[in-house]
């Protein structure tokens, strides 16, 4: 487990206190507007405590995974302070195939390269994140990641992916 339980619990407590974003910030599915997407909540880690902790945990896990003992070869991780919590509360919610756009951290000038998903809840049925070969409608699924509390998924922005339909 990359992210300690104490930080996950703190984020879960924070999430339930955040307001739902205005309707204009919530995207609807392009192909069929009757299919709901997620409710979105935003948080800015203005003091940098979470961003720094996430970066340290992710960097430790990545460097351990690649067995990099040489400090000159170790990966450098930077986590941006703006966080978005996606909440798929409605059965039938889904997210169509897409790639993530990069963000710019205006305080450092750095441009993001990867997305990370930290699942704060289990989804008993459905809701998986599918990593796709491309953005075609019938694209091959390279991997499916089930939403399990505490699971961290890290992938390049350019990796096509979709959020499977939430059943329960």
N, C-alpha and C. Protein backbone atom coordinates (compact mmCIF):
# COMPACT_ATOMS: atom_id res chain seq x y z
N UNK A 1 0.85 -1.18 0.00
CA UNK A 1 0.00 0.00 0.00
C UNK A 1 0.89 1.24 0.00
N UNK A 2 0.66 2.10 -0.97
CA UNK A 2 1.50 3.28 -1.16
C UNK A 2 1.09 4.42 -0.23
N UNK A 3 -0.20 4.68 -0.14
CA UNK A 3 -0.71 5.80 0.67
C UNK A 3 -1.19 5.24 2.01
N UNK A 4 -0.64 5.72 3.12
CA UNK A 4 -1.03 5.18 4.43
C UNK A 4 -2.51 5.41 4.75
N UNK A 5 -3.06 4.50 5.54
CA UNK A 5 -4.47 4.58 5.93
C UNK A 5 -4.82 5.93 6.56
N UNK A 6 -3.92 6.46 7.38
CA UNK A 6 -4.21 7.73 8.07
C UNK A 6 -4.45 8.86 7.08
N UNK A 7 -3.67 8.91 6.00
CA UNK A 7 -3.86 9.96 4.99
C UNK A 7 -5.14 9.70 4.19
N UNK A 8 -5.43 8.44 3.90
CA UNK A 8 -6.67 8.11 3.20
C UNK A 8 -7.89 8.51 4.03
N UNK A 9 -7.86 8.23 5.33
CA UNK A 9 -8.98 8.61 6.20
C UNK A 9 -9.14 10.12 6.25
N UNK A 10 -8.02 10.83 6.32
CA UNK A 10 -8.07 12.29 6.35
C UNK A 10 -8.69 12.83 5.05
N UNK A 11 -8.28 12.27 3.90
CA UNK A 11 -8.83 12.71 2.62
C UNK A 11 -10.32 12.38 2.51
N UNK A 12 -10.70 11.23 3.03
CA UNK A 12 -12.11 10.86 3.01
C UNK A 12 -12.93 11.84 3.85
N UNK A 13 -12.42 12.21 5.02
CA UNK A 13 -13.10 13.20 5.86
C UNK A 13 -13.16 14.57 5.18
N UNK A 14 -12.08 14.93 4.49
CA UNK A 14 -12.04 16.19 3.76
C UNK A 14 -13.07 16.18 2.62
N UNK A 15 -13.08 15.10 1.87
CA UNK A 15 -13.97 14.97 0.72
C UNK A 15 -15.43 15.21 1.10
N UNK A 16 -15.90 14.59 2.18
CA UNK A 16 -17.32 14.72 2.55
C UNK A 16 -17.68 16.14 2.97
N UNK A 17 -16.69 16.97 3.26
CA UNK A 17 -16.95 18.35 3.64
C UNK A 17 -16.91 19.31 2.46
N UNK A 18 -16.37 18.87 1.33
CA UNK A 18 -16.24 19.75 0.16
C UNK A 18 -17.58 19.87 -0.56
N UNK A 19 -17.92 21.07 -1.02
CA UNK A 19 -19.18 21.23 -1.77
C UNK A 19 -19.07 20.62 -3.16
N UNK A 20 -20.21 20.25 -3.71
CA UNK A 20 -20.25 19.76 -5.09
C UNK A 20 -20.07 20.97 -5.99
N UNK A 21 -19.27 20.80 -7.04
CA UNK A 21 -19.00 21.89 -7.97
C UNK A 21 -20.29 22.34 -8.65
N UNK A 22 -20.30 23.58 -9.07
CA UNK A 22 -21.45 24.13 -9.78
C UNK A 22 -21.74 23.29 -11.01
N UNK A 23 -22.98 23.25 -11.43
CA UNK A 23 -23.40 22.42 -12.57
C UNK A 23 -22.59 22.73 -13.82
N UNK A 24 -22.14 23.97 -13.98
CA UNK A 24 -21.36 24.33 -15.17
C UNK A 24 -19.99 23.65 -15.17
N UNK A 25 -19.53 23.17 -14.01
CA UNK A 25 -18.25 22.48 -13.93
C UNK A 25 -18.37 20.98 -14.14
N UNK A 26 -19.59 20.48 -14.18
CA UNK A 26 -19.80 19.04 -14.30
C UNK A 26 -20.03 18.69 -15.76
N UNK A 27 -19.20 17.80 -16.26
CA UNK A 27 -19.30 17.42 -17.67
C UNK A 27 -20.38 16.37 -17.86
N UNK A 28 -21.07 16.46 -18.98
CA UNK A 28 -22.04 15.41 -19.32
C UNK A 28 -21.47 14.61 -20.49
N UNK A 29 -21.90 13.40 -20.58
CA UNK A 29 -21.41 12.51 -21.62
C UNK A 29 -21.85 13.03 -22.99
N UNK A 30 -20.90 13.15 -23.91
CA UNK A 30 -21.19 13.74 -25.23
C UNK A 30 -22.16 12.91 -26.04
N UNK A 31 -22.00 11.59 -26.03
CA UNK A 31 -22.82 10.73 -26.89
C UNK A 31 -24.25 10.60 -26.42
N UNK A 32 -24.49 10.70 -25.13
CA UNK A 32 -25.83 10.48 -24.59
C UNK A 32 -25.95 11.24 -23.28
N UNK A 33 -26.54 12.41 -23.33
CA UNK A 33 -26.58 13.28 -22.15
C UNK A 33 -27.41 12.71 -21.01
N UNK A 34 -28.13 11.60 -21.25
CA UNK A 34 -28.92 11.00 -20.19
C UNK A 34 -28.06 10.15 -19.24
N UNK A 35 -26.84 9.85 -19.65
CA UNK A 35 -25.95 9.05 -18.81
C UNK A 35 -25.18 10.00 -17.90
N UNK A 36 -25.38 9.87 -16.57
CA UNK A 36 -24.72 10.80 -15.66
C UNK A 36 -23.22 10.53 -15.55
N UNK A 37 -22.50 11.57 -15.27
CA UNK A 37 -21.07 11.47 -15.00
C UNK A 37 -20.90 11.59 -13.49
N UNK A 38 -19.74 11.97 -13.07
CA UNK A 38 -19.46 12.08 -11.64
C UNK A 38 -19.89 13.44 -11.09
N UNK A 39 -20.09 13.48 -9.80
CA UNK A 39 -20.18 14.75 -9.10
C UNK A 39 -18.75 15.14 -8.77
N UNK A 40 -18.43 16.39 -8.94
CA UNK A 40 -17.04 16.83 -8.78
C UNK A 40 -16.91 17.78 -7.60
N UNK A 41 -15.83 17.58 -6.87
CA UNK A 41 -15.49 18.39 -5.71
C UNK A 41 -14.03 18.82 -5.90
N UNK A 42 -13.73 20.06 -5.57
CA UNK A 42 -12.38 20.57 -5.79
C UNK A 42 -11.74 21.01 -4.48
N UNK A 43 -10.42 20.83 -4.41
CA UNK A 43 -9.66 21.23 -3.23
C UNK A 43 -8.30 21.76 -3.70
N UNK A 44 -7.88 22.86 -3.13
CA UNK A 44 -6.54 23.39 -3.40
C UNK A 44 -5.71 23.27 -2.13
N UNK A 45 -4.67 22.50 -2.22
CA UNK A 45 -3.74 22.28 -1.11
C UNK A 45 -2.77 23.46 -1.05
N UNK A 46 -3.28 24.61 -0.65
CA UNK A 46 -2.50 25.85 -0.70
C UNK A 46 -1.25 25.83 0.17
N UNK A 47 -1.25 25.03 1.22
CA UNK A 47 -0.07 24.94 2.08
C UNK A 47 0.89 23.84 1.63
N UNK A 48 0.45 22.99 0.71
CA UNK A 48 1.33 21.98 0.13
C UNK A 48 1.54 20.72 0.94
N UNK A 49 0.85 20.56 2.05
CA UNK A 49 1.07 19.39 2.91
C UNK A 49 0.70 18.08 2.21
N UNK A 50 -0.48 18.04 1.58
CA UNK A 50 -0.91 16.80 0.90
C UNK A 50 -0.06 16.54 -0.33
N UNK A 51 0.16 17.58 -1.12
CA UNK A 51 0.94 17.42 -2.35
C UNK A 51 2.32 16.86 -2.04
N UNK A 52 2.95 17.38 -1.04
CA UNK A 52 4.29 16.92 -0.66
C UNK A 52 4.24 15.47 -0.18
N UNK A 53 3.26 15.15 0.65
CA UNK A 53 3.14 13.78 1.16
C UNK A 53 2.87 12.80 0.02
N UNK A 54 1.93 13.14 -0.88
CA UNK A 54 1.66 12.27 -2.02
C UNK A 54 2.91 12.06 -2.86
N UNK A 55 3.62 13.15 -3.15
CA UNK A 55 4.83 13.06 -3.96
C UNK A 55 5.84 12.13 -3.31
N UNK A 56 6.03 12.27 -2.01
CA UNK A 56 7.00 11.42 -1.31
C UNK A 56 6.60 9.96 -1.35
N UNK A 57 5.33 9.66 -1.10
CA UNK A 57 4.87 8.26 -1.10
C UNK A 57 4.96 7.65 -2.49
N UNK A 58 4.56 8.41 -3.50
CA UNK A 58 4.60 7.91 -4.87
C UNK A 58 6.04 7.72 -5.32
N UNK A 59 6.88 8.69 -5.03
CA UNK A 59 8.29 8.59 -5.41
C UNK A 59 8.96 7.39 -4.75
N UNK A 60 8.69 7.18 -3.48
CA UNK A 60 9.24 6.04 -2.76
C UNK A 60 8.80 4.73 -3.41
N UNK A 61 7.52 4.62 -3.73
CA UNK A 61 7.00 3.40 -4.35
C UNK A 61 7.58 3.18 -5.75
N UNK A 62 7.65 4.23 -6.56
CA UNK A 62 8.19 4.09 -7.91
C UNK A 62 9.67 3.72 -7.89
N UNK A 63 10.43 4.37 -7.03
CA UNK A 63 11.86 4.07 -6.97
C UNK A 63 12.12 2.69 -6.39
N UNK A 64 11.26 2.25 -5.48
CA UNK A 64 11.38 0.89 -4.94
C UNK A 64 11.05 -0.12 -6.03
N UNK A 65 10.00 0.17 -6.82
CA UNK A 65 9.56 -0.73 -7.89
C UNK A 65 10.62 -0.88 -8.96
N UNK A 66 11.31 0.21 -9.29
CA UNK A 66 12.33 0.16 -10.34
C UNK A 66 13.69 -0.23 -9.78
N UNK A 67 13.76 -0.45 -8.47
CA UNK A 67 15.00 -0.88 -7.81
C UNK A 67 16.14 0.10 -8.02
N UNK A 68 15.82 1.36 -8.03
CA UNK A 68 16.85 2.38 -8.22
C UNK A 68 17.53 2.71 -6.91
N UNK A 69 18.74 2.23 -6.74
CA UNK A 69 19.52 2.58 -5.56
C UNK A 69 20.42 3.76 -5.84
N UNK A 70 20.67 4.03 -7.12
CA UNK A 70 21.51 5.14 -7.53
C UNK A 70 20.67 6.41 -7.48
N UNK A 71 21.02 7.34 -6.59
CA UNK A 71 20.21 8.55 -6.41
C UNK A 71 20.15 9.41 -7.67
N UNK A 72 21.14 9.31 -8.55
CA UNK A 72 21.11 10.10 -9.78
C UNK A 72 20.09 9.54 -10.78
N UNK A 73 19.66 8.29 -10.60
CA UNK A 73 18.71 7.64 -11.48
C UNK A 73 17.29 7.63 -10.93
N UNK A 74 17.10 8.14 -9.72
CA UNK A 74 15.78 8.07 -9.10
C UNK A 74 14.81 9.05 -9.76
N UNK A 75 13.56 8.64 -9.78
CA UNK A 75 12.50 9.45 -10.37
C UNK A 75 12.13 10.60 -9.45
N UNK A 76 11.86 11.76 -10.05
CA UNK A 76 11.43 12.93 -9.28
C UNK A 76 9.93 13.11 -9.49
N UNK A 77 9.18 13.15 -8.41
CA UNK A 77 7.73 13.26 -8.48
C UNK A 77 7.29 14.61 -7.92
N UNK A 78 6.42 15.27 -8.66
CA UNK A 78 5.84 16.53 -8.20
C UNK A 78 4.33 16.40 -8.32
N UNK A 79 3.62 16.62 -7.23
CA UNK A 79 2.16 16.54 -7.23
C UNK A 79 1.60 17.96 -7.12
N UNK A 80 0.71 18.30 -8.02
CA UNK A 80 0.13 19.64 -8.05
C UNK A 80 -0.83 19.85 -6.88
N UNK A 81 -1.00 21.10 -6.45
CA UNK A 81 -1.85 21.37 -5.29
C UNK A 81 -3.36 21.30 -5.57
N UNK A 82 -3.76 21.44 -6.83
CA UNK A 82 -5.19 21.40 -7.15
C UNK A 82 -5.63 19.95 -7.33
N UNK A 83 -6.62 19.56 -6.53
CA UNK A 83 -7.10 18.18 -6.56
C UNK A 83 -8.58 18.17 -6.89
N UNK A 84 -8.97 17.13 -7.59
CA UNK A 84 -10.37 16.97 -7.96
C UNK A 84 -10.82 15.61 -7.44
N UNK A 85 -11.92 15.63 -6.72
CA UNK A 85 -12.53 14.40 -6.21
C UNK A 85 -13.72 14.10 -7.12
N UNK A 86 -13.73 12.92 -7.72
CA UNK A 86 -14.85 12.49 -8.55
C UNK A 86 -15.69 11.51 -7.75
N UNK A 87 -16.98 11.75 -7.71
CA UNK A 87 -17.87 10.94 -6.90
C UNK A 87 -18.97 10.37 -7.79
N UNK A 88 -18.89 9.06 -8.01
CA UNK A 88 -19.87 8.37 -8.85
C UNK A 88 -20.93 7.76 -7.94
N UNK A 89 -21.91 8.56 -7.54
CA UNK A 89 -22.92 8.10 -6.59
C UNK A 89 -24.12 7.44 -7.26
N UNK A 90 -24.36 7.76 -8.51
CA UNK A 90 -25.56 7.27 -9.18
C UNK A 90 -25.27 6.03 -10.01
N UNK A 91 -26.08 4.98 -9.82
CA UNK A 91 -25.98 3.82 -10.70
C UNK A 91 -26.19 4.31 -12.13
N UNK A 92 -25.40 3.78 -13.04
CA UNK A 92 -25.46 4.22 -14.43
C UNK A 92 -24.43 5.28 -14.78
N UNK A 93 -23.76 5.85 -13.76
CA UNK A 93 -22.71 6.83 -14.02
C UNK A 93 -21.56 6.17 -14.76
N UNK A 94 -20.95 6.91 -15.67
CA UNK A 94 -19.83 6.41 -16.46
C UNK A 94 -19.04 7.59 -16.99
N UNK A 95 -17.87 7.30 -17.52
CA UNK A 95 -17.04 8.33 -18.13
C UNK A 95 -16.54 7.77 -19.46
N UNK A 96 -16.84 8.43 -20.58
CA UNK A 96 -16.48 7.90 -21.90
C UNK A 96 -14.96 7.88 -22.11
N UNK A 97 -14.50 7.15 -23.14
CA UNK A 97 -13.07 7.11 -23.44
C UNK A 97 -12.53 8.52 -23.67
N UNK A 98 -11.34 8.76 -23.11
CA UNK A 98 -10.70 10.07 -23.24
C UNK A 98 -9.24 9.96 -22.83
N UNK A 99 -8.50 11.01 -23.05
CA UNK A 99 -7.17 11.17 -22.49
C UNK A 99 -7.22 12.42 -21.62
N UNK A 100 -6.35 12.48 -20.63
CA UNK A 100 -6.33 13.63 -19.75
C UNK A 100 -5.42 14.71 -20.32
N UNK A 101 -5.82 15.93 -20.14
CA UNK A 101 -5.01 17.06 -20.58
C UNK A 101 -4.01 17.42 -19.49
N UNK A 102 -2.89 17.98 -19.91
CA UNK A 102 -1.91 18.41 -18.92
C UNK A 102 -2.39 19.66 -18.21
N UNK A 103 -1.87 19.86 -17.03
CA UNK A 103 -2.13 21.07 -16.25
C UNK A 103 -0.79 21.76 -16.02
N UNK A 104 -0.85 23.04 -15.73
CA UNK A 104 0.36 23.79 -15.42
C UNK A 104 0.26 24.29 -13.98
N UNK A 105 1.28 24.00 -13.20
CA UNK A 105 1.37 24.51 -11.84
C UNK A 105 1.97 25.91 -11.95
N UNK A 106 1.14 26.92 -11.78
CA UNK A 106 1.59 28.29 -12.01
C UNK A 106 2.61 28.77 -10.99
N UNK A 107 2.70 28.12 -9.85
CA UNK A 107 3.70 28.53 -8.87
C UNK A 107 5.10 28.03 -9.23
N UNK A 108 5.18 26.92 -9.99
CA UNK A 108 6.50 26.37 -10.35
C UNK A 108 6.76 26.41 -11.85
N UNK A 109 5.70 26.57 -12.64
CA UNK A 109 5.84 26.53 -14.09
C UNK A 109 5.90 25.11 -14.65
N UNK A 110 5.82 24.10 -13.78
CA UNK A 110 5.90 22.71 -14.24
C UNK A 110 4.60 22.31 -14.92
N UNK A 111 4.76 21.42 -15.90
CA UNK A 111 3.62 20.89 -16.64
C UNK A 111 3.42 19.43 -16.23
N UNK A 112 2.17 19.05 -15.99
CA UNK A 112 1.90 17.68 -15.55
C UNK A 112 2.10 16.70 -16.70
N UNK A 113 2.43 15.45 -16.34
CA UNK A 113 2.65 14.40 -17.32
C UNK A 113 1.80 13.17 -17.03
N UNK A 114 1.38 12.99 -15.78
CA UNK A 114 0.66 11.79 -15.37
C UNK A 114 -0.57 12.16 -14.55
N UNK A 115 -1.52 11.25 -14.55
CA UNK A 115 -2.71 11.37 -13.69
C UNK A 115 -2.60 10.32 -12.61
N UNK A 116 -3.13 10.64 -11.43
CA UNK A 116 -3.24 9.57 -10.45
C UNK A 116 -4.64 9.54 -9.88
N UNK A 117 -5.12 8.32 -9.72
CA UNK A 117 -6.43 8.09 -9.12
C UNK A 117 -6.19 7.36 -7.82
N UNK A 118 -6.71 7.90 -6.75
CA UNK A 118 -6.67 7.23 -5.46
C UNK A 118 -8.12 6.93 -5.11
N UNK A 119 -8.44 5.66 -5.05
CA UNK A 119 -9.81 5.25 -4.76
C UNK A 119 -10.04 5.32 -3.26
N UNK A 120 -11.02 6.11 -2.84
CA UNK A 120 -11.34 6.26 -1.42
C UNK A 120 -12.45 5.32 -0.99
N UNK A 121 -13.10 4.67 -1.96
CA UNK A 121 -14.20 3.74 -1.65
C UNK A 121 -14.12 2.54 -2.59
N UNK A 122 -14.75 1.47 -2.17
CA UNK A 122 -14.94 0.31 -3.04
C UNK A 122 -16.19 0.55 -3.87
N UNK A 123 -16.23 -0.04 -5.04
CA UNK A 123 -17.44 -0.10 -5.84
C UNK A 123 -17.72 -1.58 -6.00
N UNK A 124 -18.84 -2.02 -5.48
CA UNK A 124 -19.12 -3.46 -5.46
C UNK A 124 -19.27 -4.05 -6.85
N UNK A 125 -19.88 -3.28 -7.76
CA UNK A 125 -20.07 -3.80 -9.11
C UNK A 125 -19.94 -2.67 -10.11
N UNK A 126 -19.05 -2.84 -11.09
CA UNK A 126 -18.83 -1.82 -12.11
C UNK A 126 -17.87 -0.75 -11.61
N UNK A 127 -17.81 0.35 -12.36
CA UNK A 127 -16.99 1.49 -11.97
C UNK A 127 -15.50 1.33 -12.22
N UNK A 128 -15.10 0.29 -12.93
CA UNK A 128 -13.68 0.07 -13.16
C UNK A 128 -13.12 1.12 -14.11
N UNK A 129 -11.83 1.38 -13.99
CA UNK A 129 -11.13 2.23 -14.93
C UNK A 129 -10.47 1.31 -15.94
N UNK A 130 -10.80 1.49 -17.20
CA UNK A 130 -10.23 0.65 -18.25
C UNK A 130 -9.17 1.46 -19.00
N UNK A 131 -7.98 0.93 -19.09
CA UNK A 131 -6.90 1.53 -19.88
C UNK A 131 -7.01 0.94 -21.28
N UNK A 132 -7.10 1.83 -22.28
CA UNK A 132 -7.41 1.42 -23.65
C UNK A 132 -6.22 1.57 -24.58
N UNK A 133 -6.23 0.79 -25.66
CA UNK A 133 -5.16 0.89 -26.66
C UNK A 133 -5.26 2.23 -27.41
N UNK A 134 -6.49 2.67 -27.70
CA UNK A 134 -6.70 3.94 -28.40
C UNK A 134 -8.10 4.44 -28.07
N UNK A 135 -8.54 5.51 -28.73
CA UNK A 135 -9.83 6.14 -28.43
C UNK A 135 -10.98 5.67 -29.32
N UNK A 136 -10.76 4.69 -30.16
CA UNK A 136 -11.85 4.19 -30.99
C UNK A 136 -12.92 3.54 -30.12
N UNK A 137 -14.15 3.53 -30.60
CA UNK A 137 -15.28 3.00 -29.83
C UNK A 137 -15.08 1.53 -29.45
N UNK A 138 -14.49 0.75 -30.31
CA UNK A 138 -14.29 -0.67 -30.05
C UNK A 138 -12.84 -0.99 -29.65
N UNK A 139 -12.19 -0.04 -29.01
CA UNK A 139 -10.78 -0.19 -28.66
C UNK A 139 -10.52 -1.38 -27.73
N UNK A 140 -9.36 -1.97 -27.92
CA UNK A 140 -8.93 -3.07 -27.06
C UNK A 140 -8.67 -2.55 -25.65
N UNK A 141 -9.17 -3.28 -24.65
CA UNK A 141 -8.90 -2.93 -23.25
C UNK A 141 -7.58 -3.57 -22.85
N UNK A 142 -6.63 -2.74 -22.48
CA UNK A 142 -5.30 -3.22 -22.09
C UNK A 142 -5.30 -3.73 -20.65
N UNK A 143 -6.07 -3.06 -19.79
CA UNK A 143 -6.16 -3.46 -18.38
C UNK A 143 -7.40 -2.83 -17.79
N UNK A 144 -7.97 -3.51 -16.79
CA UNK A 144 -9.08 -2.96 -16.02
C UNK A 144 -8.65 -2.87 -14.57
N UNK A 145 -8.92 -1.72 -13.97
CA UNK A 145 -8.55 -1.50 -12.57
C UNK A 145 -9.84 -1.33 -11.78
N UNK A 146 -10.08 -2.26 -10.88
CA UNK A 146 -11.29 -2.21 -10.07
C UNK A 146 -11.14 -1.17 -8.97
N UNK A 147 -12.20 -0.42 -8.70
CA UNK A 147 -12.14 0.58 -7.63
C UNK A 147 -12.15 -0.09 -6.25
N UNK A 148 -11.00 -0.10 -5.60
CA UNK A 148 -10.86 -0.66 -4.27
C UNK A 148 -10.23 0.38 -3.37
N UNK A 149 -10.80 0.55 -2.22
CA UNK A 149 -10.34 1.57 -1.27
C UNK A 149 -8.83 1.43 -1.05
N UNK A 150 -8.14 2.55 -1.22
CA UNK A 150 -6.70 2.59 -1.01
C UNK A 150 -5.86 2.29 -2.24
N UNK A 151 -6.48 1.86 -3.32
CA UNK A 151 -5.74 1.55 -4.54
C UNK A 151 -5.34 2.84 -5.23
N UNK A 152 -4.11 2.88 -5.70
CA UNK A 152 -3.58 4.05 -6.41
C UNK A 152 -3.26 3.64 -7.83
N UNK A 153 -3.79 4.38 -8.79
CA UNK A 153 -3.52 4.13 -10.21
C UNK A 153 -2.82 5.36 -10.76
N UNK A 154 -1.64 5.14 -11.33
CA UNK A 154 -0.83 6.21 -11.90
C UNK A 154 -0.58 5.87 -13.36
N UNK A 155 -0.88 6.81 -14.28
CA UNK A 155 -0.70 6.54 -15.70
C UNK A 155 -0.44 7.85 -16.44
N UNK A 156 0.24 7.78 -17.60
CA UNK A 156 0.50 8.99 -18.39
C UNK A 156 -0.80 9.61 -18.89
N UNK A 157 -0.83 10.93 -18.97
CA UNK A 157 -2.02 11.62 -19.48
C UNK A 157 -2.43 11.09 -20.85
N UNK A 158 -1.47 10.74 -21.69
CA UNK A 158 -1.76 10.32 -23.06
C UNK A 158 -2.37 8.93 -23.15
N UNK A 159 -2.47 8.22 -22.04
CA UNK A 159 -3.04 6.87 -22.06
C UNK A 159 -4.57 6.96 -22.13
N UNK A 160 -5.17 6.47 -23.23
CA UNK A 160 -6.63 6.49 -23.32
C UNK A 160 -7.24 5.62 -22.20
N UNK A 161 -8.33 6.10 -21.64
CA UNK A 161 -8.98 5.36 -20.56
C UNK A 161 -10.44 5.77 -20.49
N UNK A 162 -11.22 4.95 -19.75
CA UNK A 162 -12.64 5.25 -19.55
C UNK A 162 -13.05 4.75 -18.18
N UNK A 163 -14.12 5.34 -17.68
CA UNK A 163 -14.70 4.90 -16.42
C UNK A 163 -15.92 4.05 -16.71
N UNK A 164 -15.84 2.78 -16.32
CA UNK A 164 -16.94 1.85 -16.58
C UNK A 164 -18.20 2.23 -15.84
N UNK A 165 -19.32 1.77 -16.33
CA UNK A 165 -20.62 2.08 -15.75
C UNK A 165 -20.71 1.55 -14.32
N UNK A 166 -21.12 2.40 -13.40
CA UNK A 166 -21.31 2.01 -12.01
C UNK A 166 -22.63 1.25 -11.92
N UNK A 167 -22.58 0.03 -11.42
CA UNK A 167 -23.79 -0.79 -11.26
C UNK A 167 -24.33 -0.61 -9.84
N UNK A 168 -23.44 -0.78 -8.87
CA UNK A 168 -23.85 -0.59 -7.46
C UNK A 168 -22.72 0.06 -6.70
